[in-house]
Amino acid sequence: MQNLSPRHVKTEESQRLGVVSGWYSIKASGTFVTGPHTTQEDCLSKIAELNPPAAKKKKF
């Protein structure tokens, strides 16, 4: 499981990085994983899809 977080890349930074402006999911190291997404909600949705909540263990 990866710890991904949303990050918005503005126009100035996108030109410097050579990417499209928008929301990206990134690793803790700063590596882009998905994107660009048009909204933060879209980005968070993709993160949830890639990182489903841990399944709770059944108690016997």
N, C-alpha and C. Protein backbone atom coordinates (compact mmCIF):
# COMPACT_ATOMS: atom_id res chain seq x y z
N MET A 1 0.84 -1.18 0.00
CA MET A 1 0.00 0.00 0.00
C MET A 1 0.88 1.24 0.00
N GLN A 2 0.55 2.16 -0.85
CA GLN A 2 1.29 3.41 -0.94
C GLN A 2 0.55 4.49 -0.17
N ASN A 3 1.30 5.39 0.43
CA ASN A 3 0.69 6.55 1.06
C ASN A 3 0.69 7.67 0.03
N LEU A 4 -0.45 7.90 -0.59
CA LEU A 4 -0.57 8.93 -1.61
C LEU A 4 -1.30 10.13 -1.04
N SER A 5 -0.96 11.31 -1.54
CA SER A 5 -1.66 12.51 -1.12
C SER A 5 -1.91 13.39 -2.34
N PRO A 6 -2.95 14.24 -2.28
CA PRO A 6 -3.24 15.12 -3.40
C PRO A 6 -2.31 16.34 -3.39
N ARG A 7 -1.98 16.82 -4.57
CA ARG A 7 -1.14 18.02 -4.68
C ARG A 7 -1.57 18.80 -5.91
N HIS A 8 -1.76 20.11 -5.75
CA HIS A 8 -2.12 20.95 -6.88
C HIS A 8 -0.87 21.57 -7.48
N VAL A 9 -0.73 21.42 -8.80
CA VAL A 9 0.40 22.00 -9.51
C VAL A 9 -0.15 23.19 -10.30
N LYS A 10 0.30 24.39 -9.94
CA LYS A 10 -0.15 25.62 -10.61
C LYS A 10 0.58 25.79 -11.93
N THR A 11 0.10 26.73 -12.74
CA THR A 11 0.63 26.96 -14.08
C THR A 11 2.13 27.21 -14.10
N GLU A 12 2.61 28.10 -13.22
CA GLU A 12 4.05 28.42 -13.23
C GLU A 12 4.90 27.18 -12.98
N GLU A 13 4.50 26.39 -11.99
CA GLU A 13 5.24 25.18 -11.65
C GLU A 13 5.08 24.12 -12.73
N SER A 14 3.91 24.04 -13.34
CA SER A 14 3.69 23.04 -14.38
C SER A 14 4.60 23.29 -15.57
N GLN A 15 4.81 24.55 -15.90
CA GLN A 15 5.70 24.87 -17.02
C GLN A 15 7.14 24.49 -16.69
N ARG A 16 7.54 24.72 -15.44
CA ARG A 16 8.89 24.37 -15.02
C ARG A 16 9.10 22.85 -15.02
N LEU A 17 8.06 22.11 -14.59
CA LEU A 17 8.16 20.65 -14.52
C LEU A 17 7.86 19.95 -15.83
N GLY A 18 7.25 20.67 -16.76
CA GLY A 18 6.88 20.08 -18.04
C GLY A 18 5.66 19.18 -17.96
N VAL A 19 4.74 19.54 -17.06
CA VAL A 19 3.49 18.79 -16.93
C VAL A 19 2.32 19.76 -17.07
N VAL A 20 1.13 19.19 -17.18
CA VAL A 20 -0.09 19.99 -17.29
C VAL A 20 -0.52 20.43 -15.89
N SER A 21 -1.01 21.64 -15.76
CA SER A 21 -1.51 22.14 -14.49
C SER A 21 -2.72 21.33 -14.05
N GLY A 22 -2.82 21.04 -12.76
CA GLY A 22 -3.95 20.30 -12.23
C GLY A 22 -3.60 19.60 -10.94
N TRP A 23 -4.48 18.71 -10.51
CA TRP A 23 -4.29 17.94 -9.28
C TRP A 23 -3.62 16.61 -9.61
N TYR A 24 -2.66 16.24 -8.79
CA TYR A 24 -1.93 14.99 -8.95
C TYR A 24 -1.90 14.24 -7.63
N SER A 25 -1.90 12.91 -7.71
CA SER A 25 -1.64 12.13 -6.50
C SER A 25 -0.14 11.89 -6.50
N ILE A 26 0.47 12.08 -5.33
CA ILE A 26 1.91 11.93 -5.23
C ILE A 26 2.30 11.01 -4.08
N LYS A 27 3.47 10.39 -4.22
CA LYS A 27 4.05 9.59 -3.15
C LYS A 27 4.71 10.54 -2.15
N ALA A 28 5.10 10.04 -1.00
CA ALA A 28 5.80 10.84 0.01
C ALA A 28 7.11 11.40 -0.55
N SER A 29 7.70 10.71 -1.50
CA SER A 29 8.96 11.16 -2.12
C SER A 29 8.76 12.32 -3.08
N GLY A 30 7.49 12.61 -3.44
CA GLY A 30 7.19 13.68 -4.38
C GLY A 30 6.95 13.19 -5.80
N THR A 31 7.04 11.90 -6.02
CA THR A 31 6.83 11.32 -7.34
C THR A 31 5.35 11.34 -7.70
N PHE A 32 5.04 11.84 -8.90
CA PHE A 32 3.65 11.85 -9.38
C PHE A 32 3.23 10.42 -9.68
N VAL A 33 2.01 10.06 -9.27
CA VAL A 33 1.49 8.71 -9.52
C VAL A 33 0.35 8.78 -10.53
N THR A 34 -0.61 9.67 -10.31
CA THR A 34 -1.71 9.84 -11.26
C THR A 34 -1.96 11.32 -11.48
N GLY A 35 -2.63 11.63 -12.58
CA GLY A 35 -3.00 13.00 -12.85
C GLY A 35 -2.62 13.39 -14.26
N PRO A 36 -3.01 14.55 -14.66
CA PRO A 36 -3.69 15.57 -13.86
C PRO A 36 -5.19 15.27 -13.73
N HIS A 37 -5.73 15.65 -12.59
CA HIS A 37 -7.16 15.56 -12.34
C HIS A 37 -7.69 16.98 -12.30
N THR A 38 -8.94 17.16 -12.73
CA THR A 38 -9.51 18.51 -12.81
C THR A 38 -9.84 19.10 -11.44
N THR A 39 -10.20 18.24 -10.48
CA THR A 39 -10.54 18.73 -9.14
C THR A 39 -9.84 17.90 -8.07
N GLN A 40 -9.78 18.47 -6.88
CA GLN A 40 -9.20 17.75 -5.75
C GLN A 40 -10.04 16.51 -5.44
N GLU A 41 -11.34 16.62 -5.58
CA GLU A 41 -12.23 15.50 -5.32
C GLU A 41 -11.95 14.34 -6.27
N ASP A 42 -11.71 14.65 -7.56
CA ASP A 42 -11.36 13.60 -8.53
C ASP A 42 -10.06 12.91 -8.13
N CYS A 43 -9.11 13.72 -7.68
CA CYS A 43 -7.82 13.19 -7.26
C CYS A 43 -7.98 12.29 -6.03
N LEU A 44 -8.74 12.75 -5.05
CA LEU A 44 -8.97 11.96 -3.85
C LEU A 44 -9.70 10.66 -4.17
N SER A 45 -10.60 10.72 -5.13
CA SER A 45 -11.33 9.52 -5.55
C SER A 45 -10.37 8.49 -6.13
N LYS A 46 -9.44 8.95 -6.94
CA LYS A 46 -8.44 8.04 -7.54
C LYS A 46 -7.53 7.47 -6.46
N ILE A 47 -7.14 8.29 -5.48
CA ILE A 47 -6.31 7.81 -4.38
C ILE A 47 -7.05 6.72 -3.61
N ALA A 48 -8.34 6.94 -3.34
CA ALA A 48 -9.15 5.94 -2.63
C ALA A 48 -9.24 4.64 -3.43
N GLU A 49 -9.31 4.77 -4.75
CA GLU A 49 -9.38 3.60 -5.61
C GLU A 49 -8.07 2.81 -5.56
N LEU A 50 -6.95 3.52 -5.51
CA LEU A 50 -5.65 2.87 -5.48
C LEU A 50 -5.27 2.37 -4.08
N ASN A 51 -5.78 3.04 -3.06
CA ASN A 51 -5.50 2.70 -1.66
C ASN A 51 -6.78 2.39 -0.92
N PRO A 52 -7.38 1.24 -1.16
CA PRO A 52 -8.62 0.93 -0.45
C PRO A 52 -8.34 0.82 1.05
N PRO A 53 -9.33 1.14 1.87
CA PRO A 53 -9.14 1.03 3.32
C PRO A 53 -8.77 -0.40 3.70
N ALA A 54 -7.95 -0.53 4.69
CA ALA A 54 -7.54 -1.86 5.14
C ALA A 54 -8.75 -2.64 5.65
N ALA A 55 -8.82 -3.89 5.28
CA ALA A 55 -9.93 -4.73 5.72
C ALA A 55 -9.78 -5.01 7.20
N LYS A 56 -10.89 -4.92 7.90
CA LYS A 56 -10.86 -5.20 9.33
C LYS A 56 -10.83 -6.71 9.53
N LYS A 57 -10.00 -7.13 10.47
CA LYS A 57 -9.91 -8.56 10.77
C LYS A 57 -11.08 -8.97 11.63
N LYS A 58 -11.58 -10.16 11.34
CA LYS A 58 -12.70 -10.69 12.13
C LYS A 58 -12.16 -11.24 13.44
N LYS A 59 -12.89 -10.98 14.49
CA LYS A 59 -12.53 -11.56 15.79
C LYS A 59 -13.31 -12.85 15.97
N PHE A 60 -12.63 -13.84 16.45
CA PHE A 60 -13.27 -15.14 16.65
C PHE A 60 -13.62 -15.34 18.08
